[in-house]
C-alpha atoms as a PDB file:
ATOM      1  CA  MET A   1       0.000   0.000   0.000  1.00  0.00           C
ATOM      2  CA  SER A   2       1.512   3.293  -1.076  1.00  0.00           C
ATOM      3  CA  SER A   3       0.614   6.791   0.049  1.00  0.00           C
ATOM      4  CA  ASP A   4      -1.233   7.210  -3.265  1.00  0.00           C
ATOM      5  CA  ASP A   5      -3.711   4.344  -2.891  1.00  0.00           C
ATOM      6  CA  THR A   6      -4.519   4.331   0.806  1.00  0.00           C
ATOM      7  CA  TYR A   7      -8.250   3.904   0.985  1.00  0.00           C
ATOM      8  CA  ALA A   8     -10.698   1.861   3.015  1.00  0.00           C
ATOM      9  CA  GLY A   9     -11.451  -1.546   1.561  1.00  0.00           C
ATOM     10  CA  ALA A  10      -8.333  -1.649  -0.612  1.00  0.00           C
ATOM     11  CA  GLY A  11      -7.768  -5.315   0.146  1.00  0.00           C
ATOM     12  CA  ASN A  12      -9.993  -8.382   0.097  1.00  0.00           C
ATOM     13  CA  LEU A  13     -13.345  -6.878   1.059  1.00  0.00           C
ATOM     14  CA  GLN A  14     -15.029 -10.147   2.007  1.00  0.00           C
ATOM     15  CA  ALA A  15     -12.096 -11.285   4.132  1.00  0.00           C
ATOM     16  CA  THR A  16     -11.974  -7.934   5.914  1.00  0.00           C
ATOM     17  CA  LEU A  17     -15.691  -7.989   6.674  1.00  0.00           C
ATOM     18  CA  ASP A  18     -15.448 -11.542   7.994  1.00  0.00           C
ATOM     19  CA  LEU A  19     -12.659 -10.446  10.339  1.00  0.00           C
ATOM     20  CA  LEU A  20     -14.518  -7.327  11.449  1.00  0.00           C
ATOM     21  CA  TRP A  21     -17.715  -9.197  12.231  1.00  0.00           C
ATOM     22  CA  GLY A  22     -16.161 -12.443  13.470  1.00  0.00           C
ATOM     23  CA  THR A  23     -17.593 -14.622  10.721  1.00  0.00           C
ATOM     24  CA  GLN A  24     -14.300 -15.987   9.363  1.00  0.00           C
ATOM     25  CA  GLU A  25     -13.809 -19.744   9.310  1.00  0.00           C
ATOM     26  CA  PRO A  26     -11.271 -20.978  11.906  1.00  0.00           C
ATOM     27  CA  PRO A  27      -8.229 -22.777  10.449  1.00  0.00           C
ATOM     28  CA  SER A  28      -8.914 -26.486  10.083  1.00  0.00           C
ATOM     29  CA  ARG A  29      -5.302 -27.592  10.266  1.00  0.00           C
ATOM     30  CA  GLY A  30      -1.931 -26.452  11.516  1.00  0.00           C
ATOM     31  CA  PRO A  31      -0.731 -25.514  15.001  1.00  0.00           C
ATOM     32  CA  LYS A  32      -2.971 -23.713  17.433  1.00  0.00           C
ATOM     33  CA  PRO A  33      -2.729 -19.926  16.945  1.00  0.00           C
ATOM     34  CA  SER A  34      -0.431 -18.288  19.486  1.00  0.00           C
ATOM     35  CA  LEU A  35      -1.789 -14.792  18.834  1.00  0.00           C
ATOM     36  CA  SER A  36      -5.160 -13.172  18.296  1.00  0.00           C
ATOM     37  CA  VAL A  37      -6.304 -10.798  15.578  1.00  0.00           C
ATOM     38  CA  GLU A  38      -6.817  -8.196  18.334  1.00  0.00           C
ATOM     39  CA  GLN A  39      -3.149  -8.474  19.375  1.00  0.00           C
ATOM     40  CA  VAL A  40      -2.003  -7.976  15.801  1.00  0.00           C
ATOM     41  CA  VAL A  41      -4.277  -4.963  15.355  1.00  0.00           C
ATOM     42  CA  ARG A  42      -3.235  -3.321  18.643  1.00  0.00           C
ATOM     43  CA  THR A  43       0.428  -3.732  17.754  1.00  0.00           C
ATOM     44  CA  ALA A  44      -0.134  -2.253  14.292  1.00  0.00           C
ATOM     45  CA  ILE A  45      -1.976   0.743  15.765  1.00  0.00           C
ATOM     46  CA  ALA A  46       0.937   1.467  18.098  1.00  0.00           C
ATOM     47  CA  LEU A  47       3.384   1.348  15.183  1.00  0.00           C
ATOM     48  CA  ALA A  48       1.224   3.626  13.019  1.00  0.00           C
ATOM     49  CA  ASP A  49       0.803   6.076  15.883  1.00  0.00           C
ATOM     50  CA  ALA A  50       4.590   6.294  16.208  1.00  0.00           C
ATOM     51  CA  ASP A  51       5.702   6.185  12.576  1.00  0.00           C
ATOM     52  CA  GLY A  52       2.636   6.658  10.368  1.00  0.00           C
ATOM     53  CA  LEU A  53       1.296   4.276   7.742  1.00  0.00           C
ATOM     54  CA  ASP A  54       4.483   4.470   5.689  1.00  0.00           C
ATOM     55  CA  GLY A  55       6.330   2.976   8.646  1.00  0.00           C
ATOM     56  CA  LEU A  56       3.827   0.152   9.021  1.00  0.00           C
ATOM     57  CA  SER A  57       4.491  -3.229   7.444  1.00  0.00           C
ATOM     58  CA  MET A  58       3.650  -6.819   8.165  1.00  0.00           C
ATOM     59  CA  ARG A  59       7.337  -7.392   8.846  1.00  0.00           C
ATOM     60  CA  ARG A  60       7.490  -4.692  11.502  1.00  0.00           C
ATOM     61  CA  VAL A  61       4.331  -5.953  13.184  1.00  0.00           C
ATOM     62  CA  ALA A  62       5.814  -9.453  13.221  1.00  0.00           C
ATOM     63  CA  GLU A  63       9.030  -8.157  14.749  1.00  0.00           C
ATOM     64  CA  GLU A  64       7.125  -6.393  17.515  1.00  0.00           C
ATOM     65  CA  LEU A  65       5.232  -9.614  18.258  1.00  0.00           C
ATOM     66  CA  SER A  66       8.397 -11.747  18.023  1.00  0.00           C
ATOM     67  CA  VAL A  67       6.978 -14.007  15.344  1.00  0.00           C
ATOM     68  CA  GLY A  68       7.818 -14.744  11.733  1.00  0.00           C
ATOM     69  CA  THR A  69       6.335 -12.444   9.123  1.00  0.00           C
ATOM     70  CA  MET A  70       4.621 -15.273   7.270  1.00  0.00           C
ATOM     71  CA  SER A  71       2.874 -16.399  10.448  1.00  0.00           C
ATOM     72  CA  LEU A  72       0.928 -13.112  10.545  1.00  0.00           C
ATOM     73  CA  TYR A  73      -0.929 -14.102   7.398  1.00  0.00           C
ATOM     74  CA  ARG A  74      -2.732 -16.734   9.438  1.00  0.00           C
ATOM     75  CA  TYR A  75      -4.515 -13.843  11.171  1.00  0.00           C
ATOM     76  CA  VAL A  76      -4.729 -11.069   8.559  1.00  0.00           C
ATOM     77  CA  PRO A  77      -4.471 -11.437   4.752  1.00  0.00           C
ATOM     78  CA  GLY A  78      -2.252  -8.375   4.317  1.00  0.00           C
ATOM     79  CA  LYS A  79      -1.541  -4.758   5.156  1.00  0.00           C
ATOM     80  CA  SER A  80      -4.623  -3.358   3.428  1.00  0.00           C
ATOM     81  CA  GLU A  81      -6.946  -5.578   5.434  1.00  0.00           C
ATOM     82  CA  LEU A  82      -4.965  -4.802   8.576  1.00  0.00           C
ATOM     83  CA  VAL A  83      -5.472  -1.066   8.078  1.00  0.00           C
ATOM     84  CA  ASP A  84      -9.229  -1.613   7.797  1.00  0.00           C
ATOM     85  CA  LEU A  85      -9.208  -3.506  11.089  1.00  0.00           C
ATOM     86  CA  MET A  86      -7.154  -0.727  12.670  1.00  0.00           C
ATOM     87  CA  LEU A  87      -9.644   1.902  11.506  1.00  0.00           C
ATOM     88  CA  ASP A  88     -12.547   0.134  13.128  1.00  0.00           C
ATOM     89  CA  ALA A  89     -10.585  -0.628  16.293  1.00  0.00           C
ATOM     90  CA  VAL A  90      -9.662   2.993  17.026  1.00  0.00           C
ATOM     91  CA  GLN A  91     -13.276   4.061  16.511  1.00  0.00           C
ATOM     92  CA  ALA A  92     -14.098   2.216  19.716  1.00  0.00           C
ATOM     93  CA  GLU A  93     -12.645   5.365  21.343  1.00  0.00           C
ATOM     94  CA  LEU A  94     -15.458   7.554  19.962  1.00  0.00           C
ATOM     95  CA  PRO A  95     -18.493   8.534  22.073  1.00  0.00           C
ATOM     96  CA  THR A  96     -21.330   6.031  21.836  1.00  0.00           C
ATOM     97  CA  GLY A  97     -23.437   6.950  24.865  1.00  0.00           C
ATOM     98  CA  THR A  98     -25.173   9.956  23.373  1.00  0.00           C
ATOM     99  CA  SER A  99     -28.805  10.621  24.238  1.00  0.00           C
ATOM    100  CA  PRO A 100     -31.600  11.022  21.675  1.00  0.00           C
ATOM    101  CA  GLY A 101     -31.675  14.603  20.448  1.00  0.00           C
ATOM    102  CA  SER A 102     -34.087  17.192  21.712  1.00  0.00           C
ATOM    103  CA  PRO A 103     -34.282  20.972  21.317  1.00  0.00           C
ATOM    104  CA  ASP A 104     -32.334  21.279  24.579  1.00  0.00           C
ATOM    105  CA  THR A 105     -29.691  18.567  24.106  1.00  0.00           C
ATOM    106  CA  TRP A 106     -28.843  18.070  20.431  1.00  0.00           C
ATOM    107  CA  ARG A 107     -26.169  20.772  20.334  1.00  0.00           C
ATOM    108  CA  ALA A 108     -24.315  19.410  23.344  1.00  0.00           C
ATOM    109  CA  GLY A 109     -24.569  15.925  21.867  1.00  0.00           C
ATOM    110  CA  LEU A 110     -23.095  16.916  18.507  1.00  0.00           C
ATOM    111  CA  THR A 111     -20.389  18.907  20.297  1.00  0.00           C
ATOM    112  CA  GLU A 112     -19.395  15.798  22.244  1.00  0.00           C
ATOM    113  CA  VAL A 113     -19.312  13.735  19.061  1.00  0.00           C
ATOM    114  CA  ALA A 114     -17.237  16.354  17.221  1.00  0.00           C
ATOM    115  CA  HIS A 115     -14.683  16.757  20.002  1.00  0.00           C
ATOM    116  CA  GLY A 116     -14.384  12.996  20.301  1.00  0.00           C
ATOM    117  CA  GLU A 117     -13.675  12.624  16.591  1.00  0.00           C
ATOM    118  CA  TYR A 118     -11.184  15.506  16.619  1.00  0.00           C
ATOM    119  CA  ALA A 119      -9.327  13.975  19.572  1.00  0.00           C
ATOM    120  CA  LEU A 120      -9.219  10.648  17.748  1.00  0.00           C
ATOM    121  CA  TYR A 121      -7.445  12.238  14.776  1.00  0.00           C
ATOM    122  CA  ARG A 122      -4.935  13.922  17.054  1.00  0.00           C
ATOM    123  CA  ARG A 123      -4.157  10.633  18.810  1.00  0.00           C
ATOM    124  CA  HIS A 124      -4.065   8.644  15.579  1.00  0.00           C
ATOM    125  CA  PRO A 125      -3.149  11.083  12.769  1.00  0.00           C
ATOM    126  CA  TRP A 126      -2.574   8.209  10.328  1.00  0.00           C
ATOM    127  CA  VAL A 127      -6.365   7.750  10.187  1.00  0.00           C
ATOM    128  CA  LEU A 128      -6.533  10.921   8.083  1.00  0.00           C
ATOM    129  CA  ARG A 129      -4.302   9.258   5.485  1.00  0.00           C
ATOM    130  CA  VAL A 130      -6.965   6.663   4.698  1.00  0.00           C
ATOM    131  CA  SER A 131      -9.710   7.782   2.343  1.00  0.00           C
ATOM    132  CA  GLN A 132     -13.099   6.752   3.684  1.00  0.00           C
ATOM    133  CA  ALA A 133     -15.141   8.243   0.856  1.00  0.00           C
ATOM    134  CA  ARG A 134     -16.625   4.750   0.736  1.00  0.00           C
ATOM    135  CA  PRO A 135     -16.638   3.807   4.416  1.00  0.00           C
ATOM    136  CA  LEU A 136     -16.123   0.215   5.425  1.00  0.00           C
ATOM    137  CA  PHE A 137     -18.435  -0.397   8.364  1.00  0.00           C
ATOM    138  CA  GLY A 138     -17.451  -2.604  11.265  1.00  0.00           C
ATOM    139  CA  PRO A 139     -19.051  -2.884  14.705  1.00  0.00           C
ATOM    140  CA  ASN A 140     -17.227   0.094  16.213  1.00  0.00           C
ATOM    141  CA  SER A 141     -17.673   2.453  13.279  1.00  0.00           C
ATOM    142  CA  MET A 142     -21.370   1.626  13.094  1.00  0.00           C
ATOM    143  CA  ALA A 143     -21.778   2.229  16.828  1.00  0.00           C
ATOM    144  CA  ALA A 144     -20.067   5.624  16.525  1.00  0.00           C
ATOM    145  CA  TYR A 145     -22.171   6.616  13.523  1.00  0.00           C
ATOM    146  CA  ASP A 146     -25.337   5.490  15.271  1.00  0.00           C
ATOM    147  CA  ALA A 147     -24.414   7.669  18.254  1.00  0.00           C
ATOM    148  CA  ALA A 148     -23.855  10.697  16.009  1.00  0.00           C
ATOM    149  CA  LEU A 149     -27.223  10.238  14.307  1.00  0.00           C
ATOM    150  CA  ARG A 150     -28.919   9.815  17.682  1.00  0.00           C
ATOM    151  CA  THR A 151     -27.965  13.350  18.676  1.00  0.00           C
ATOM    152  CA  VAL A 152     -30.273  14.804  15.996  1.00  0.00           C
ATOM    153  CA  GLU A 153     -33.043  12.270  16.434  1.00  0.00           C
ATOM    154  CA  GLY A 154     -36.356  13.726  17.557  1.00  0.00           C
ATOM    155  CA  LEU A 155     -35.838  17.142  15.932  1.00  0.00           C
ATOM    156  CA  GLY A 156     -38.423  16.567  13.236  1.00  0.00           C
ATOM    157  CA  LEU A 157     -35.798  16.009  10.558  1.00  0.00           C
ATOM    158  CA  SER A 158     -36.065  13.536   7.715  1.00  0.00           C
ATOM    159  CA  ALA A 159     -33.689  10.576   7.512  1.00  0.00           C
ATOM    160  CA  HIS A 160     -31.758  12.380   4.774  1.00  0.00           C
ATOM    161  CA  GLU A 161     -31.497  15.553   6.842  1.00  0.00           C
ATOM    162  CA  MET A 162     -30.284  13.631   9.895  1.00  0.00           C
ATOM    163  CA  ALA A 163     -27.540  11.958   7.869  1.00  0.00           C
ATOM    164  CA  SER A 164     -26.599  15.271   6.250  1.00  0.00           C
ATOM    165  CA  MET A 165     -26.281  17.040   9.616  1.00  0.00           C
ATOM    166  CA  ALA A 166     -24.001  14.338  10.985  1.00  0.00           C
ATOM    167  CA  ALA A 167     -21.941  14.399   7.781  1.00  0.00           C
ATOM    168  CA  ALA A 168     -21.576  18.193   7.848  1.00  0.00           C
ATOM    169  CA  VAL A 169     -20.113  18.102  11.343  1.00  0.00           C
ATOM    170  CA  SER A 170     -17.831  15.162  10.568  1.00  0.00           C
ATOM    171  CA  CYS A 171     -16.522  16.806   7.384  1.00  0.00           C
ATOM    172  CA  TYR A 172     -15.696  19.977   9.317  1.00  0.00           C
ATOM    173  CA  VAL A 173     -13.902  17.943  11.985  1.00  0.00           C
ATOM    174  CA  GLN A 174     -11.892  15.965   9.439  1.00  0.00           C
ATOM    175  CA  GLY A 175     -10.908  19.051   7.465  1.00  0.00           C
ATOM    176  CA  THR A 176      -9.757  21.003  10.504  1.00  0.00           C
ATOM    177  CA  ALA A 177      -7.940  18.030  11.981  1.00  0.00           C
ATOM    178  CA  ARG A 178      -6.149  17.392   8.687  1.00  0.00           C
ATOM    179  CA  ILE A 179      -4.872  20.981   8.500  1.00  0.00           C
ATOM    180  CA  THR A 180      -3.814  20.913  12.147  1.00  0.00           C
ATOM    181  CA  VAL A 181      -1.948  17.609  11.803  1.00  0.00           C
ATOM    182  CA  GLU A 182      -0.242  18.719   8.589  1.00  0.00           C
ATOM    183  CA  PHE A 183       0.712  22.031  10.193  1.00  0.00           C
ATOM    184  CA  ASP A 184       2.293  20.157  13.093  1.00  0.00           C
ATOM    185  CA  THR A 185       4.371  17.942  10.794  1.00  0.00           C
ATOM    186  CA  ALA A 186       5.272  20.392   8.006  1.00  0.00           C
ATOM    187  CA  ALA A 187       8.384  21.809   9.659  1.00  0.00           C
ATOM    188  CA  ARG A 188       9.723  18.379  10.566  1.00  0.00           C
ATOM    189  CA  ARG A 189       9.162  16.887   7.136  1.00  0.00           C
ATOM    190  CA  SER A 190      10.394  19.871   5.101  1.00  0.00           C
ATOM    191  CA  GLY A 191      13.277  20.851   7.361  1.00  0.00           C
ATOM    192  CA  ILE A 192      12.091  24.463   7.201  1.00  0.00           C
ATOM    193  CA  SER A 193      10.900  26.064  10.432  1.00  0.00           C
ATOM    194  CA  ASP A 194       7.764  28.204  10.564  1.00  0.00           C
ATOM    195  CA  GLU A 195       9.946  31.242  11.179  1.00  0.00           C
ATOM    196  CA  GLN A 196      11.996  30.522   8.040  1.00  0.00           C
ATOM    197  CA  TRP A 197       8.894  29.724   6.004  1.00  0.00           C
ATOM    198  CA  TRP A 198       7.069  32.958   6.728  1.00  0.00           C
ATOM    199  CA  GLY A 199      10.213  35.055   7.022  1.00  0.00           C
ATOM    200  CA  THR A 200      11.110  34.193   3.429  1.00  0.00           C
ATOM    201  CA  GLN A 201       7.638  35.011   2.107  1.00  0.00           C
ATOM    202  CA  LEU A 202       6.967  38.129   4.152  1.00  0.00           C
ATOM    203  CA  PRO A 203       9.030  40.609   2.059  1.00  0.00           C
ATOM    204  CA  PHE A 204       7.067  39.649  -1.063  1.00  0.00           C
ATOM    205  CA  MET A 205       3.754  39.965   0.749  1.00  0.00           C
ATOM    206  CA  THR A 206       4.475  43.298   2.403  1.00  0.00           C
ATOM    207  CA  ALA A 207       5.776  44.742  -0.878  1.00  0.00           C
ATOM    208  CA  ALA A 208       2.502  43.792  -2.553  1.00  0.00           C
ATOM    209  CA  PHE A 209       0.518  45.326   0.295  1.00  0.00           C
ATOM    210  CA  ALA A 210       2.541  48.546   0.050  1.00  0.00           C
ATOM    211  CA  GLU A 211       1.576  48.788  -3.629  1.00  0.00           C
ATOM    212  CA  GLY A 212      -2.079  48.676  -2.638  1.00  0.00           C
ATOM    213  CA  ARG A 213      -2.636  45.159  -3.921  1.00  0.00           C
ATOM    214  CA  TYR A 214      -4.848  42.656  -2.064  1.00  0.00           C
ATOM    215  CA  PRO A 215      -6.326  45.332   0.234  1.00  0.00           C
ATOM    216  CA  THR A 216      -8.693  43.058   2.131  1.00  0.00           C
ATOM    217  CA  LEU A 217      -5.972  40.510   2.853  1.00  0.00           C
ATOM    218  CA  ALA A 218      -3.671  43.340   3.913  1.00  0.00           C
ATOM    219  CA  LYS A 219      -6.291  44.634   6.338  1.00  0.00           C
ATOM    220  CA  VAL A 220      -6.804  41.208   7.876  1.00  0.00           C
ATOM    221  CA  TYR A 221      -3.057  40.596   8.093  1.00  0.00           C
ATOM    222  CA  GLN A 222      -2.414  43.966   9.718  1.00  0.00           C
ATOM    223  CA  GLY A 223      -5.268  43.271  12.124  1.00  0.00           C
ATOM    224  CA  GLY A 224      -3.255  40.407  13.605  1.00  0.00           C
ATOM    225  CA  ALA A 225      -5.238  37.473  12.251  1.00  0.00           C
ATOM    226  CA  TYR A 226      -2.059  35.524  11.487  1.00  0.00           C
ATOM    227  CA  ASP A 227       0.048  36.483  14.493  1.00  0.00           C
ATOM    228  CA  PRO A 228       1.843  33.506  16.081  1.00  0.00           C
ATOM    229  CA  ASP A 229      -0.330  33.699  19.199  1.00  0.00           C
ATOM    230  CA  ASP A 230      -3.558  33.855  17.186  1.00  0.00           C
ATOM    231  CA  ASP A 231      -5.484  30.578  17.123  1.00  0.00           C
ATOM    232  CA  PHE A 232      -6.114  30.728  13.391  1.00  0.00           C
ATOM    233  CA  PHE A 233      -7.266  27.104  13.198  1.00  0.00           C
ATOM    234  CA  SER A 234      -9.610  27.436  16.173  1.00  0.00           C
ATOM    235  CA  PHE A 235     -11.492  24.165  16.198  1.00  0.00           C
ATOM    236  CA  GLY A 236     -14.024  25.332  18.753  1.00  0.00           C
ATOM    237  CA  PHE A 237     -14.859  28.583  16.985  1.00  0.00           C
ATOM    238  CA  GLY A 238     -15.468  26.887  13.659  1.00  0.00           C
ATOM    239  CA  LEU A 239     -17.504  24.105  15.231  1.00  0.00           C
ATOM    240  CA  GLU A 240     -19.789  26.612  16.926  1.00  0.00           C
ATOM    241  CA  ARG A 241     -20.432  28.283  13.575  1.00  0.00           C
ATOM    242  CA  VAL A 242     -21.301  24.939  11.972  1.00  0.00           C
ATOM    243  CA  LEU A 243     -23.701  24.229  14.818  1.00  0.00           C
ATOM    244  CA  ASP A 244     -25.182  27.717  14.458  1.00  0.00           C
ATOM    245  CA  GLY A 245     -26.005  26.846  10.878  1.00  0.00           C
ATOM    246  CA  ILE A 246     -27.667  23.582  11.900  1.00  0.00           C
ATOM    247  CA  GLU A 247     -29.616  25.382  14.618  1.00  0.00           C
ATOM    248  CA  SER A 248     -30.854  27.961  12.138  1.00  0.00           C
ATOM    249  CA  TYR A 249     -31.942  25.223   9.741  1.00  0.00           C
ATOM    250  CA  VAL A 250     -33.767  23.273  12.442  1.00  0.00           C
ATOM    251  CA  ARG A 251     -35.564  26.434  13.567  1.00  0.00           C
ATOM    252  CA  THR A 252     -36.602  27.246   9.990  1.00  0.00           C
ATOM    253  CA  ARG A 253     -37.634  23.657   9.405  1.00  0.00           C
ATOM    254  CA  LYS A 254     -39.967  23.727  12.400  1.00  0.00           C
ATOM    255  CA  ALA A 255     -41.579  26.942  11.193  1.00  0.00           C
ATOM    256  CA  GLN A 256     -42.549  25.373   7.899  1.00  0.00           C
ATOM    257  CA  PRO A 257     -46.195  24.261   7.627  1.00  0.00           C
END
């Protein structure tokens, strides 16, 4: 699996689903397994947390477990299937105890869900490297999605609207988390510090501003929006604005005959 083709379900879909849902056939011959699929997955998650998906391989997992690489294939068909199992495993960390939505509780419920998802991406940034445009649902991911939908249940929304509200929040969370994670790693990967990065660009920017070009950007820049101590990627601020939009829609929806 390369960085260009990392997507959910990239391996043997049926085999992955059997592993996720516990419907795989046990081996009929050979020695008794000395490991469990859960042990393999936990070890792989720890490696990905430390070194990213590019640093994850069946060989490295085997080394961590002190077994031969080929023996791992008794538990998982390959790296692609392993990544799918890892994705579902980490989603067990997401909130699942949300209450059914009501006019008084839905916002707090969605806030809890959003913060839980954001924290997940910060703990496991490699998750953002896996495209889930076509999600592969296992028990944990379905439980987390069910909990998110539950927060907007009882608001008089259609099934489509409920799914769209949950998706809008999740897309905001993913986008902000991706920028934050990439910002944190950019200096390390490029070898150029933030001070060098902006210090090199600043003379070109200020010269353009002095010529009267990009006046709105100049005004925002001079107003301190991009100062080092300014929380430009404020997760909480943006989330509140997304929720404001949902609240406005729900209020308008109720007013319709």
